[in-house]
Amino acid sequence: MNYRDAYDRADWKKSDVEIAAKLGVTKQAVQAARRVRGIQPAAGHGGGRKKSGAKRSDKYAAINWRMPDKKIAEKLGLTVSAVNAARARRGIKQRRKKKGVPRKSNDQVEAPPLRTPNQEQT
């Protein structure tokens, strides 16, 4: 009997650890065999850590995104770059302060008249 026959007769409803112990192989070998055969892991498989992102999204949910990033960061106790990244993930454009009068393009700006040495200054 070769190892393929042993895997073919394995009870795939059991966990990888149980199958590995019965066949005398590692659990990684059983995982690889599952992948090759396209068999899903047994129910109750660990699945990894819980994600902590849910807490943050709730934190951001009540935020007025019309405020500047600096004020949001102070309110949440985060850095400005963290707020900026959260804004980018949500597709919210950053609010920029308008400083002064908008600049005119070079086509719209009139050059001051040239003075000649003979003209008096007024």
PDB file of N, CA and C in Angstrom:
ATOM      1  N   MET A   1       0.861  -1.180   0.000  1.00  0.00           N
ATOM      2  CA  MET A   1       0.000   0.000   0.000  1.00  0.00           C
ATOM      3  C   MET A   1       0.901   1.236   0.000  1.00  0.00           C
ATOM      4  N   ASN A   2       0.650   2.118  -0.930  1.00  0.00           N
ATOM      5  CA  ASN A   2       1.445   3.347  -0.969  1.00  0.00           C
ATOM      6  C   ASN A   2       0.695   4.485  -0.273  1.00  0.00           C
ATOM      7  N   TYR A   3       1.362   5.619  -0.173  1.00  0.00           N
ATOM      8  CA  TYR A   3       0.765   6.737   0.585  1.00  0.00           C
ATOM      9  C   TYR A   3      -0.482   7.291  -0.088  1.00  0.00           C
ATOM     10  N   ARG A   4      -0.566   7.178  -1.409  1.00  0.00           N
ATOM     11  CA  ARG A   4      -1.767   7.681  -2.104  1.00  0.00           C
ATOM     12  C   ARG A   4      -3.001   6.877  -1.710  1.00  0.00           C
ATOM     13  N   ASP A   5      -2.849   5.600  -1.584  1.00  0.00           N
ATOM     14  CA  ASP A   5      -3.973   4.758  -1.158  1.00  0.00           C
ATOM     15  C   ASP A   5      -4.414   5.129   0.254  1.00  0.00           C
ATOM     16  N   ALA A   6      -3.446   5.406   1.108  1.00  0.00           N
ATOM     17  CA  ALA A   6      -3.777   5.779   2.486  1.00  0.00           C
ATOM     18  C   ALA A   6      -4.543   7.099   2.515  1.00  0.00           C
ATOM     19  N   TYR A   7      -4.104   8.051   1.708  1.00  0.00           N
ATOM     20  CA  TYR A   7      -4.820   9.330   1.648  1.00  0.00           C
ATOM     21  C   TYR A   7      -6.204   9.169   1.032  1.00  0.00           C
ATOM     22  N   ASP A   8      -6.323   8.298   0.019  1.00  0.00           N
ATOM     23  CA  ASP A   8      -7.623   8.086  -0.620  1.00  0.00           C
ATOM     24  C   ASP A   8      -8.631   7.477   0.353  1.00  0.00           C
ATOM     25  N   ARG A   9      -8.150   6.648   1.309  1.00  0.00           N
ATOM     26  CA  ARG A   9      -9.054   6.020   2.270  1.00  0.00           C
ATOM     27  C   ARG A   9      -9.233   6.833   3.544  1.00  0.00           C
ATOM     28  N   ALA A  10      -8.593   7.973   3.635  1.00  0.00           N
ATOM     29  CA  ALA A  10      -8.685   8.794   4.853  1.00  0.00           C
ATOM     30  C   ALA A  10     -10.085   9.377   5.003  1.00  0.00           C
ATOM     31  N   ASP A  11     -10.485   9.564   6.239  1.00  0.00           N
ATOM     32  CA  ASP A  11     -11.782  10.189   6.536  1.00  0.00           C
ATOM     33  C   ASP A  11     -11.566  11.703   6.578  1.00  0.00           C
ATOM     34  N   TRP A  12     -11.887  12.386   5.487  1.00  0.00           N
ATOM     35  CA  TRP A  12     -11.584  13.817   5.355  1.00  0.00           C
ATOM     36  C   TRP A  12     -12.499  14.695   6.200  1.00  0.00           C
ATOM     37  N   LYS A  13     -13.458  14.084   6.892  1.00  0.00           N
ATOM     38  CA  LYS A  13     -14.305  14.861   7.806  1.00  0.00           C
ATOM     39  C   LYS A  13     -13.584  15.140   9.125  1.00  0.00           C
ATOM     40  N   LYS A  14     -12.507  14.392   9.377  1.00  0.00           N
ATOM     41  CA  LYS A  14     -11.723  14.592  10.600  1.00  0.00           C
ATOM     42  C   LYS A  14     -10.744  15.739  10.395  1.00  0.00           C
ATOM     43  N   SER A  15     -10.170  16.181  11.501  1.00  0.00           N
ATOM     44  CA  SER A  15      -9.204  17.280  11.420  1.00  0.00           C
ATOM     45  C   SER A  15      -7.886  16.796  10.819  1.00  0.00           C
ATOM     46  N   ASP A  16      -7.084  17.753  10.346  1.00  0.00           N
ATOM     47  CA  ASP A  16      -5.785  17.410   9.765  1.00  0.00           C
ATOM     48  C   ASP A  16      -4.881  16.718  10.784  1.00  0.00           C
ATOM     49  N   VAL A  17      -4.961  17.138  12.031  1.00  0.00           N
ATOM     50  CA  VAL A  17      -4.130  16.546  13.082  1.00  0.00           C
ATOM     51  C   VAL A  17      -4.505  15.079  13.289  1.00  0.00           C
ATOM     52  N   GLU A  18      -5.802  14.772  13.313  1.00  0.00           N
ATOM     53  CA  GLU A  18      -6.252  13.391  13.508  1.00  0.00           C
ATOM     54  C   GLU A  18      -5.843  12.501  12.334  1.00  0.00           C
ATOM     55  N   ILE A  19      -5.999  13.022  11.123  1.00  0.00           N
ATOM     56  CA  ILE A  19      -5.613  12.248   9.933  1.00  0.00           C
ATOM     57  C   ILE A  19      -4.109  12.024   9.930  1.00  0.00           C
ATOM     58  N   ALA A  20      -3.354  13.061  10.283  1.00  0.00           N
ATOM     59  CA  ALA A  20      -1.885  12.960  10.304  1.00  0.00           C
ATOM     60  C   ALA A  20      -1.427  11.915  11.310  1.00  0.00           C
ATOM     61  N   ALA A  21      -2.067  11.882  12.481  1.00  0.00           N
ATOM     62  CA  ALA A  21      -1.695  10.900  13.509  1.00  0.00           C
ATOM     63  C   ALA A  21      -1.982   9.478  13.032  1.00  0.00           C
ATOM     64  N   LYS A  22      -3.104   9.285  12.352  1.00  0.00           N
ATOM     65  CA  LYS A  22      -3.481   7.953  11.874  1.00  0.00           C
ATOM     66  C   LYS A  22      -2.532   7.479  10.765  1.00  0.00           C
ATOM     67  N   LEU A  23      -2.127   8.415   9.883  1.00  0.00           N
ATOM     68  CA  LEU A  23      -1.276   8.036   8.748  1.00  0.00           C
ATOM     69  C   LEU A  23       0.212   8.102   9.074  1.00  0.00           C
ATOM     70  N   GLY A  24       0.551   8.720  10.199  1.00  0.00           N
ATOM     71  CA  GLY A  24       1.954   8.830  10.569  1.00  0.00           C
ATOM     72  C   GLY A  24       2.711   9.873   9.769  1.00  0.00           C
ATOM     73  N   VAL A  25       2.026  10.950   9.415  1.00  0.00           N
ATOM     74  CA  VAL A  25       2.649  12.061   8.674  1.00  0.00           C
ATOM     75  C   VAL A  25       2.395  13.363   9.430  1.00  0.00           C
ATOM     76  N   THR A  26       2.942  14.445   8.939  1.00  0.00           N
ATOM     77  CA  THR A  26       2.716  15.740   9.597  1.00  0.00           C
ATOM     78  C   THR A  26       1.381  16.334   9.146  1.00  0.00           C
ATOM     79  N   LYS A  27       0.879  17.288   9.937  1.00  0.00           N
ATOM     80  CA  LYS A  27      -0.384  17.936   9.558  1.00  0.00           C
ATOM     81  C   LYS A  27      -0.206  18.780   8.292  1.00  0.00           C
ATOM     82  N   GLN A  28       1.016  19.273   8.042  1.00  0.00           N
ATOM     83  CA  GLN A  28       1.274  20.030   6.827  1.00  0.00           C
ATOM     84  C   GLN A  28       1.154  19.139   5.588  1.00  0.00           C
ATOM     85  N   ALA A  29       1.565  17.877   5.732  1.00  0.00           N
ATOM     86  CA  ALA A  29       1.427  16.921   4.620  1.00  0.00           C
ATOM     87  C   ALA A  29      -0.042  16.672   4.318  1.00  0.00           C
ATOM     88  N   VAL A  30      -0.851  16.589   5.359  1.00  0.00           N
ATOM     89  CA  VAL A  30      -2.292  16.386   5.169  1.00  0.00           C
ATOM     90  C   VAL A  30      -2.909  17.638   4.535  1.00  0.00           C
ATOM     91  N   GLN A  31      -2.471  18.824   4.955  1.00  0.00           N
ATOM     92  CA  GLN A  31      -2.974  20.071   4.349  1.00  0.00           C
ATOM     93  C   GLN A  31      -2.655  20.108   2.855  1.00  0.00           C
ATOM     94  N   ALA A  32      -1.424  19.694   2.514  1.00  0.00           N
ATOM     95  CA  ALA A  32      -1.021  19.670   1.108  1.00  0.00           C
ATOM     96  C   ALA A  32      -1.865  18.669   0.316  1.00  0.00           C
ATOM     97  N   ALA A  33      -2.151  17.539   0.920  1.00  0.00           N
ATOM     98  CA  ALA A  33      -2.974  16.528   0.256  1.00  0.00           C
ATOM     99  C   ALA A  33      -4.397  17.048   0.042  1.00  0.00           C
ATOM    100  N   ARG A  34      -4.915  17.780   1.011  1.00  0.00           N
ATOM    101  CA  ARG A  34      -6.249  18.393   0.848  1.00  0.00           C
ATOM    102  C   ARG A  34      -6.251  19.353  -0.341  1.00  0.00           C
ATOM    103  N   ARG A  35      -5.207  20.198  -0.396  1.00  0.00           N
ATOM    104  CA  ARG A  35      -5.125  21.178  -1.484  1.00  0.00           C
ATOM    105  C   ARG A  35      -5.072  20.495  -2.847  1.00  0.00           C
ATOM    106  N   VAL A  36      -4.253  19.446  -2.960  1.00  0.00           N
ATOM    107  CA  VAL A  36      -4.107  18.730  -4.228  1.00  0.00           C
ATOM    108  C   VAL A  36      -5.444  18.117  -4.653  1.00  0.00           C
ATOM    109  N   ARG A  37      -6.175  17.586  -3.693  1.00  0.00           N
ATOM    110  CA  ARG A  37      -7.456  16.936  -3.988  1.00  0.00           C
ATOM    111  C   ARG A  37      -8.631  17.912  -4.023  1.00  0.00           C
ATOM    112  N   GLY A  38      -8.403  19.164  -3.642  1.00  0.00           N
ATOM    113  CA  GLY A  38      -9.483  20.158  -3.651  1.00  0.00           C
ATOM    114  C   GLY A  38     -10.500  19.949  -2.543  1.00  0.00           C
ATOM    115  N   ILE A  39     -10.070  19.384  -1.426  1.00  0.00           N
ATOM    116  CA  ILE A  39     -10.962  19.101  -0.301  1.00  0.00           C
ATOM    117  C   ILE A  39     -10.841  20.241   0.718  1.00  0.00           C
ATOM    118  N   GLN A  40     -11.973  20.766   1.130  1.00  0.00           N
ATOM    119  CA  GLN A  40     -11.987  21.856   2.108  1.00  0.00           C
ATOM    120  C   GLN A  40     -11.566  21.344   3.485  1.00  0.00           C
ATOM    121  N   PRO A  41     -10.979  22.214   4.322  1.00  0.00           N
ATOM    122  CA  PRO A  41     -10.636  21.802   5.691  1.00  0.00           C
ATOM    123  C   PRO A  41     -11.880  21.382   6.464  1.00  0.00           C
ATOM    124  N   ALA A  42     -11.667  20.556   7.463  1.00  0.00           N
ATOM    125  CA  ALA A  42     -12.770  20.060   8.284  1.00  0.00           C
ATOM    126  C   ALA A  42     -13.472  21.218   8.984  1.00  0.00           C
ATOM    127  N   ALA A  43     -14.752  21.042   9.287  1.00  0.00           N
ATOM    128  CA  ALA A  43     -15.511  22.057  10.020  1.00  0.00           C
ATOM    129  C   ALA A  43     -14.870  22.267  11.382  1.00  0.00           C
ATOM    130  N   GLY A  44     -14.876  23.477  11.862  1.00  0.00           N
ATOM    131  CA  GLY A  44     -14.266  23.764  13.145  1.00  0.00           C
ATOM    132  C   GLY A  44     -12.787  24.057  13.016  1.00  0.00           C
ATOM    133  N   HIS A  45     -12.315  24.145  11.778  1.00  0.00           N
ATOM    134  CA  HIS A  45     -10.916  24.490  11.538  1.00  0.00           C
ATOM    135  C   HIS A  45     -10.670  25.885  12.075  1.00  0.00           C
ATOM    136  N   GLY A  46      -9.543  26.116  12.737  1.00  0.00           N
ATOM    137  CA  GLY A  46      -9.222  27.369  13.422  1.00  0.00           C
ATOM    138  C   GLY A  46      -9.492  28.619  12.622  1.00  0.00           C
ATOM    139  N   GLY A  47      -8.874  28.768  11.466  1.00  0.00           N
ATOM    140  CA  GLY A  47      -9.169  29.895  10.602  1.00  0.00           C
ATOM    141  C   GLY A  47      -8.413  31.168  10.908  1.00  0.00           C
ATOM    142  N   GLY A  48      -7.600  31.219  11.921  1.00  0.00           N
ATOM    143  CA  GLY A  48      -6.778  32.397  12.158  1.00  0.00           C
ATOM    144  C   GLY A  48      -7.337  33.339  13.197  1.00  0.00           C
ATOM    145  N   ARG A  49      -6.678  34.460  13.317  1.00  0.00           N
ATOM    146  CA  ARG A  49      -7.051  35.448  14.329  1.00  0.00           C
ATOM    147  C   ARG A  49      -8.250  36.264  13.908  1.00  0.00           C
ATOM    148  N   LYS A  50      -8.948  36.787  14.902  1.00  0.00           N
ATOM    149  CA  LYS A  50     -10.025  37.712  14.601  1.00  0.00           C
ATOM    150  C   LYS A  50      -9.403  39.036  14.224  1.00  0.00           C
ATOM    151  N   LYS A  51     -10.024  39.724  13.314  1.00  0.00           N
ATOM    152  CA  LYS A  51      -9.470  40.981  12.833  1.00  0.00           C
ATOM    153  C   LYS A  51      -9.889  42.121  13.757  1.00  0.00           C
ATOM    154  N   SER A  52      -8.952  43.000  14.007  1.00  0.00           N
ATOM    155  CA  SER A  52      -9.234  44.111  14.900  1.00  0.00           C
ATOM    156  C   SER A  52      -9.759  45.326  14.144  1.00  0.00           C
ATOM    157  N   GLY A  53      -9.915  45.222  12.837  1.00  0.00           N
ATOM    158  CA  GLY A  53     -10.366  46.354  12.033  1.00  0.00           C
ATOM    159  C   GLY A  53     -11.779  46.810  12.363  1.00  0.00           C
ATOM    160  N   ALA A  54     -12.608  45.935  12.893  1.00  0.00           N
ATOM    161  CA  ALA A  54     -13.989  46.300  13.179  1.00  0.00           C
ATOM    162  C   ALA A  54     -14.058  47.412  14.218  1.00  0.00           C
ATOM    163  N   LYS A  55     -13.176  47.386  15.204  1.00  0.00           N
ATOM    164  CA  LYS A  55     -13.183  48.425  16.230  1.00  0.00           C
ATOM    165  C   LYS A  55     -12.871  49.785  15.620  1.00  0.00           C
ATOM    166  N   ARG A  56     -11.888  49.815  14.722  1.00  0.00           N
ATOM    167  CA  ARG A  56     -11.500  51.063  14.105  1.00  0.00           C
ATOM    168  C   ARG A  56     -12.589  51.607  13.200  1.00  0.00           C
ATOM    169  N   SER A  57     -13.240  50.729  12.418  1.00  0.00           N
ATOM    170  CA  SER A  57     -14.261  51.218  11.505  1.00  0.00           C
ATOM    171  C   SER A  57     -15.417  51.824  12.295  1.00  0.00           C
ATOM    172  N   ASP A  58     -15.722  51.253  13.466  1.00  0.00           N
ATOM    173  CA  ASP A  58     -16.758  51.851  14.305  1.00  0.00           C
ATOM    174  C   ASP A  58     -16.294  53.206  14.816  1.00  0.00           C
ATOM    175  N   LYS A  59     -15.016  53.306  15.109  1.00  0.00           N
ATOM    176  CA  LYS A  59     -14.466  54.559  15.598  1.00  0.00           C
ATOM    177  C   LYS A  59     -14.593  55.645  14.519  1.00  0.00           C
ATOM    178  N   TYR A  60     -14.330  55.275  13.272  1.00  0.00           N
ATOM    179  CA  TYR A  60     -14.394  56.235  12.179  1.00  0.00           C
ATOM    180  C   TYR A  60     -15.824  56.515  11.721  1.00  0.00           C
ATOM    181  N   ALA A  61     -16.761  55.613  12.050  1.00  0.00           N
ATOM    182  CA  ALA A  61     -18.127  55.747  11.540  1.00  0.00           C
ATOM    183  C   ALA A  61     -18.810  57.023  12.022  1.00  0.00           C
ATOM    184  N   ALA A  62     -18.505  57.464  13.231  1.00  0.00           N
ATOM    185  CA  ALA A  62     -19.182  58.626  13.789  1.00  0.00           C
ATOM    186  C   ALA A  62     -18.449  59.936  13.499  1.00  0.00           C
ATOM    187  N   ILE A  63     -17.459  59.904  12.630  1.00  0.00           N
ATOM    188  CA  ILE A  63     -16.641  61.086  12.372  1.00  0.00           C
ATOM    189  C   ILE A  63     -17.263  61.940  11.279  1.00  0.00           C
ATOM    190  N   ASN A  64     -17.203  63.244  11.478  1.00  0.00           N
ATOM    191  CA  ASN A  64     -17.600  64.199  10.458  1.00  0.00           C
ATOM    192  C   ASN A  64     -16.382  64.424   9.572  1.00  0.00           C
ATOM    193  N   TRP A  65     -16.400  63.855   8.383  1.00  0.00           N
ATOM    194  CA  TRP A  65     -15.242  63.897   7.493  1.00  0.00           C
ATOM    195  C   TRP A  65     -15.022  65.261   6.877  1.00  0.00           C
ATOM    196  N   ARG A  66     -15.887  66.231   7.179  1.00  0.00           N
ATOM    197  CA  ARG A  66     -15.681  67.587   6.677  1.00  0.00           C
ATOM    198  C   ARG A  66     -14.654  68.349   7.507  1.00  0.00           C
ATOM    199  N   MET A  67     -14.318  67.789   8.669  1.00  0.00           N
ATOM    200  CA  MET A  67     -13.306  68.422   9.525  1.00  0.00           C
ATOM    201  C   MET A  67     -11.921  68.146   8.950  1.00  0.00           C
ATOM    202  N   PRO A  68     -10.955  69.013   9.247  1.00  0.00           N
ATOM    203  CA  PRO A  68      -9.582  68.757   8.806  1.00  0.00           C
ATOM    204  C   PRO A  68      -9.017  67.506   9.497  1.00  0.00           C
ATOM    205  N   ASP A  69      -8.056  66.857   8.836  1.00  0.00           N
ATOM    206  CA  ASP A  69      -7.457  65.627   9.356  1.00  0.00           C
ATOM    207  C   ASP A  69      -6.831  65.843  10.737  1.00  0.00           C
ATOM    208  N   LYS A  70      -6.268  67.010  10.958  1.00  0.00           N
ATOM    209  CA  LYS A  70      -5.611  67.283  12.238  1.00  0.00           C
ATOM    210  C   LYS A  70      -6.616  67.236  13.395  1.00  0.00           C
ATOM    211  N   LYS A  71      -7.787  67.808  13.187  1.00  0.00           N
ATOM    212  CA  LYS A  71      -8.809  67.799  14.246  1.00  0.00           C
ATOM    213  C   LYS A  71      -9.357  66.396  14.473  1.00  0.00           C
ATOM    214  N   ILE A  72      -9.548  65.647  13.385  1.00  0.00           N
ATOM    215  CA  ILE A  72     -10.033  64.267  13.517  1.00  0.00           C
ATOM    216  C   ILE A  72      -9.007  63.435  14.279  1.00  0.00           C
ATOM    217  N   ALA A  73      -7.723  63.631  13.941  1.00  0.00           N
ATOM    218  CA  ALA A  73      -6.655  62.879  14.610  1.00  0.00           C
ATOM    219  C   ALA A  73      -6.620  63.185  16.098  1.00  0.00           C
ATOM    220  N   GLU A  74      -6.764  64.445  16.454  1.00  0.00           N
ATOM    221  CA  GLU A  74      -6.777  64.822  17.873  1.00  0.00           C
ATOM    222  C   GLU A  74      -7.965  64.196  18.589  1.00  0.00           C
ATOM    223  N   LYS A  75      -9.105  64.194  17.925  1.00  0.00           N
ATOM    224  CA  LYS A  75     -10.332  63.662  18.528  1.00  0.00           C
ATOM    225  C   LYS A  75     -10.224  62.151  18.779  1.00  0.00           C
ATOM    226  N   LEU A  76      -9.581  61.433  17.841  1.00  0.00           N
ATOM    227  CA  LEU A  76      -9.480  59.971  17.952  1.00  0.00           C
ATOM    228  C   LEU A  76      -8.197  59.497  18.620  1.00  0.00           C
ATOM    229  N   GLY A  77      -7.272  60.407  18.832  1.00  0.00           N
ATOM    230  CA  GLY A  77      -6.000  60.024  19.431  1.00  0.00           C
ATOM    231  C   GLY A  77      -5.108  59.275  18.453  1.00  0.00           C
ATOM    232  N   LEU A  78      -5.166  59.643  17.194  1.00  0.00           N
ATOM    233  CA  LEU A  78      -4.370  59.004  16.148  1.00  0.00           C
ATOM    234  C   LEU A  78      -3.455  60.032  15.504  1.00  0.00           C
ATOM    235  N   THR A  79      -2.612  59.566  14.601  1.00  0.00           N
ATOM    236  CA  THR A  79      -1.771  60.490  13.851  1.00  0.00           C
ATOM    237  C   THR A  79      -2.543  61.006  12.647  1.00  0.00           C
ATOM    238  N   VAL A  80      -2.073  62.125  12.114  1.00  0.00           N
ATOM    239  CA  VAL A  80      -2.719  62.712  10.941  1.00  0.00           C
ATOM    240  C   VAL A  80      -2.596  61.758   9.749  1.00  0.00           C
ATOM    241  N   SER A  81      -1.454  61.083   9.631  1.00  0.00           N
ATOM    242  CA  SER A  81      -1.281  60.157   8.501  1.00  0.00           C
ATOM    243  C   SER A  81      -2.233  58.959   8.610  1.00  0.00           C
ATOM    244  N   ALA A  82      -2.559  58.524   9.820  1.00  0.00           N
ATOM    245  CA  ALA A  82      -3.511  57.417   9.989  1.00  0.00           C
ATOM    246  C   ALA A  82      -4.909  57.843   9.535  1.00  0.00           C
ATOM    247  N   VAL A  83      -5.280  59.066   9.855  1.00  0.00           N
ATOM    248  CA  VAL A  83      -6.580  59.584   9.425  1.00  0.00           C
ATOM    249  C   VAL A  83      -6.592  59.751   7.910  1.00  0.00           C
ATOM    250  N   ASN A  84      -5.482  60.239   7.363  1.00  0.00           N
ATOM    251  CA  ASN A  84      -5.384  60.417   5.918  1.00  0.00           C
ATOM    252  C   ASN A  84      -5.504  59.068   5.199  1.00  0.00           C
ATOM    253  N   ALA A  85      -4.889  58.029   5.752  1.00  0.00           N
ATOM    254  CA  ALA A  85      -4.981  56.685   5.166  1.00  0.00           C
ATOM    255  C   ALA A  85      -6.413  56.153   5.240  1.00  0.00           C
ATOM    256  N   ALA A  86      -7.080  56.407   6.366  1.00  0.00           N
ATOM    257  CA  ALA A  86      -8.476  55.964   6.511  1.00  0.00           C
ATOM    258  C   ALA A  86      -9.363  56.686   5.505  1.00  0.00           C
ATOM    259  N   ARG A  87      -9.084  57.935   5.286  1.00  0.00           N
ATOM    260  CA  ARG A  87      -9.831  58.733   4.306  1.00  0.00           C
ATOM    261  C   ARG A  87      -9.632  58.137   2.905  1.00  0.00           C
ATOM    262  N   ALA A  88      -8.395  57.785   2.593  1.00  0.00           N
ATOM    263  CA  ALA A  88      -8.091  57.217   1.274  1.00  0.00           C
ATOM    264  C   ALA A  88      -8.766  55.855   1.088  1.00  0.00           C
ATOM    265  N   ARG A  89      -8.778  55.004   2.137  1.00  0.00           N
ATOM    266  CA  ARG A  89      -9.427  53.694   2.044  1.00  0.00           C
ATOM    267  C   ARG A  89     -10.914  53.816   1.773  1.00  0.00           C
ATOM    268  N   ARG A  90     -11.511  54.870   2.288  1.00  0.00           N
ATOM    269  CA  ARG A  90     -12.949  55.072   2.111  1.00  0.00           C
ATOM    270  C   ARG A  90     -13.281  55.868   0.861  1.00  0.00           C
ATOM    271  N   GLY A  91     -12.265  56.360   0.160  1.00  0.00           N
ATOM    272  CA  GLY A  91     -12.493  57.132  -1.065  1.00  0.00           C
ATOM    273  C   GLY A  91     -13.006  58.530  -0.799  1.00  0.00           C
ATOM    274  N   ILE A  92     -12.721  59.069   0.387  1.00  0.00           N
ATOM    275  CA  ILE A  92     -13.172  60.413   0.739  1.00  0.00           C
ATOM    276  C   ILE A  92     -12.051  61.385   0.404  1.00  0.00           C
ATOM    277  N   LYS A  93     -12.374  62.426  -0.369  1.00  0.00           N
ATOM    278  CA  LYS A  93     -11.350  63.386  -0.742  1.00  0.00           C
ATOM    279  C   LYS A  93     -10.956  64.218   0.466  1.00  0.00           C
ATOM    280  N   GLN A  94      -9.687  64.576   0.487  1.00  0.00           N
ATOM    281  CA  GLN A  94      -9.186  65.371   1.600  1.00  0.00           C
ATOM    282  C   GLN A  94      -9.618  66.811   1.431  1.00  0.00           C
ATOM    283  N   ARG A  95     -10.039  67.376   2.509  1.00  0.00           N
ATOM    284  CA  ARG A  95     -10.494  68.759   2.500  1.00  0.00           C
ATOM    285  C   ARG A  95      -9.271  69.652   2.667  1.00  0.00           C
ATOM    286  N   ARG A  96      -9.070  70.551   1.728  1.00  0.00           N
ATOM    287  CA  ARG A  96      -7.934  71.461   1.772  1.00  0.00           C
ATOM    288  C   ARG A  96      -8.422  72.867   2.082  1.00  0.00           C
ATOM    289  N   LYS A  97      -7.642  73.578   2.869  1.00  0.00           N
ATOM    290  CA  LYS A  97      -7.971  74.975   3.151  1.00  0.00           C
ATOM    291  C   LYS A  97      -7.640  75.810   1.930  1.00  0.00           C
ATOM    292  N   LYS A  98      -8.501  76.774   1.641  1.00  0.00           N
ATOM    293  CA  LYS A  98      -8.225  77.699   0.549  1.00  0.00           C
ATOM    294  C   LYS A  98      -7.431  78.863   1.123  1.00  0.00           C
ATOM    295  N   LYS A  99      -6.276  79.089   0.574  1.00  0.00           N
ATOM    296  CA  LYS A  99      -5.429  80.163   1.073  1.00  0.00           C
ATOM    297  C   LYS A  99      -5.459  81.325   0.095  1.00  0.00           C
ATOM    298  N   GLY A 100      -5.982  82.450   0.517  1.00  0.00           N
ATOM    299  CA  GLY A 100      -5.955  83.657  -0.301  1.00  0.00           C
ATOM    300  C   GLY A 100      -6.789  83.550  -1.550  1.00  0.00           C
ATOM    301  N   VAL A 101      -6.479  84.427  -2.477  1.00  0.00           N
ATOM    302  CA  VAL A 101      -7.198  84.502  -3.747  1.00  0.00           C
ATOM    303  C   VAL A 101      -6.564  83.499  -4.715  1.00  0.00           C
ATOM    304  N   PRO A 102      -7.383  82.819  -5.496  1.00  0.00           N
ATOM    305  CA  PRO A 102      -6.804  81.882  -6.450  1.00  0.00           C
ATOM    306  C   PRO A 102      -5.891  82.604  -7.442  1.00  0.00           C
ATOM    307  N   ARG A 103      -4.807  81.954  -7.804  1.00  0.00           N
ATOM    308  CA  ARG A 103      -3.862  82.552  -8.728  1.00  0.00           C
ATOM    309  C   ARG A 103      -4.416  82.555 -10.139  1.00  0.00           C
ATOM    310  N   LYS A 104      -3.998  83.574 -10.883  1.00  0.00           N
ATOM    311  CA  LYS A 104      -4.376  83.645 -12.287  1.00  0.00           C
ATOM    312  C   LYS A 104      -3.298  82.974 -13.106  1.00  0.00           C
ATOM    313  N   SER A 105      -3.683  82.483 -14.251  1.00  0.00           N
ATOM    314  CA  SER A 105      -2.670  81.886 -15.121  1.00  0.00           C
ATOM    315  C   SER A 105      -1.861  82.997 -15.773  1.00  0.00           C
ATOM    316  N   ASN A 106      -0.766  82.669 -16.384  1.00  0.00           N
ATOM    317  CA  ASN A 106       0.103  83.662 -17.013  1.00  0.00           C
ATOM    318  C   ASN A 106      -0.593  84.419 -18.132  1.00  0.00           C
ATOM    319  N   ASP A 107      -1.583  83.795 -18.767  1.00  0.00           N
ATOM    320  CA  ASP A 107      -2.305  84.461 -19.856  1.00  0.00           C
ATOM    321  C   ASP A 107      -3.166  85.600 -19.332  1.00  0.00           C
ATOM    322  N   GLN A 108      -3.626  85.511 -18.103  1.00  0.00           N
ATOM    323  CA  GLN A 108      -4.546  86.505 -17.555  1.00  0.00           C
ATOM    324  C   GLN A 108      -3.824  87.637 -16.823  1.00  0.00           C
ATOM    325  N   VAL A 109      -2.561  87.475 -16.529  1.00  0.00           N
ATOM    326  CA  VAL A 109      -1.831  88.460 -15.752  1.00  0.00           C
ATOM    327  C   VAL A 109      -1.261  89.515 -16.698  1.00  0.00           C
ATOM    328  N   GLU A 110      -1.505  90.780 -16.335  1.00  0.00           N
ATOM    329  CA  GLU A 110      -0.949  91.875 -17.139  1.00  0.00           C
ATOM    330  C   GLU A 110       0.392  92.275 -16.555  1.00  0.00           C
ATOM    331  N   ALA A 111       1.343  92.452 -17.418  1.00  0.00           N
ATOM    332  CA  ALA A 111       2.664  92.873 -16.967  1.00  0.00           C
ATOM    333  C   ALA A 111       2.636  94.373 -16.690  1.00  0.00           C
ATOM    334  N   PRO A 112       3.352  94.829 -15.665  1.00  0.00           N
ATOM    335  CA  PRO A 112       3.382  96.268 -15.409  1.00  0.00           C
ATOM    336  C   PRO A 112       4.120  96.979 -16.542  1.00  0.00           C
ATOM    337  N   PRO A 113       3.741  98.232 -16.796  1.00  0.00           N
ATOM    338  CA  PRO A 113       4.419  98.945 -17.903  1.00  0.00           C
ATOM    339  C   PRO A 113       5.893  99.162 -17.572  1.00  0.00           C
ATOM    340  N   LEU A 114       6.710  99.107 -18.593  1.00  0.00           N
ATOM    341  CA  LEU A 114       8.134  99.330 -18.418  1.00  0.00           C
ATOM    342  C   LEU A 114       8.409 100.813 -18.224  1.00  0.00           C
ATOM    343  N   ARG A 115       9.338 101.108 -17.337  1.00  0.00           N
ATOM    344  CA  ARG A 115       9.718 102.500 -17.126  1.00  0.00           C
ATOM    345  C   ARG A 115      10.982 102.785 -17.914  1.00  0.00           C
ATOM    346  N   THR A 116      11.017 103.934 -18.474  1.00  0.00           N
ATOM    347  CA  THR A 116      12.253 104.361 -19.126  1.00  0.00           C
ATOM    348  C   THR A 116      12.966 105.293 -18.185  1.00  0.00           C
ATOM    349  N   PRO A 117      14.255 105.450 -18.322  1.00  0.00           N
ATOM    350  CA  PRO A 117      14.995 106.308 -17.405  1.00  0.00           C
ATOM    351  C   PRO A 117      14.518 107.754 -17.397  1.00  0.00           C
ATOM    352  N   ASN A 118      13.883 108.220 -18.459  1.00  0.00           N
ATOM    353  CA  ASN A 118      13.442 109.614 -18.540  1.00  0.00           C
ATOM    354  C   ASN A 118      12.126 109.869 -17.820  1.00  0.00           C
ATOM    355  N   GLN A 119      11.367 108.801 -17.534  1.00  0.00           N
ATOM    356  CA  GLN A 119      10.065 108.981 -16.883  1.00  0.00           C
ATOM    357  C   GLN A 119      10.259 109.236 -15.397  1.00  0.00           C
ATOM    358  N   GLU A 120       9.429 110.099 -14.867  1.00  0.00           N
ATOM    359  CA  GLU A 120       9.470 110.380 -13.427  1.00  0.00           C
ATOM    360  C   GLU A 120       8.614 109.357 -12.694  1.00  0.00           C
ATOM    361  N   GLN A 121       9.009 109.079 -11.467  1.00  0.00           N
ATOM    362  CA  GLN A 121       8.199 108.175 -10.647  1.00  0.00           C
ATOM    363  C   GLN A 121       7.094 108.966  -9.993  1.00  0.00           C
ATOM    364  N   THR A 122       5.939 108.456  -9.917  1.00  0.00           N
ATOM    365  CA  THR A 122       4.810 109.134  -9.270  1.00  0.00           C
ATOM    366  C   THR A 122       4.419 108.462  -8.011  1.00  0.00           C
TER     367      THR A 122
END
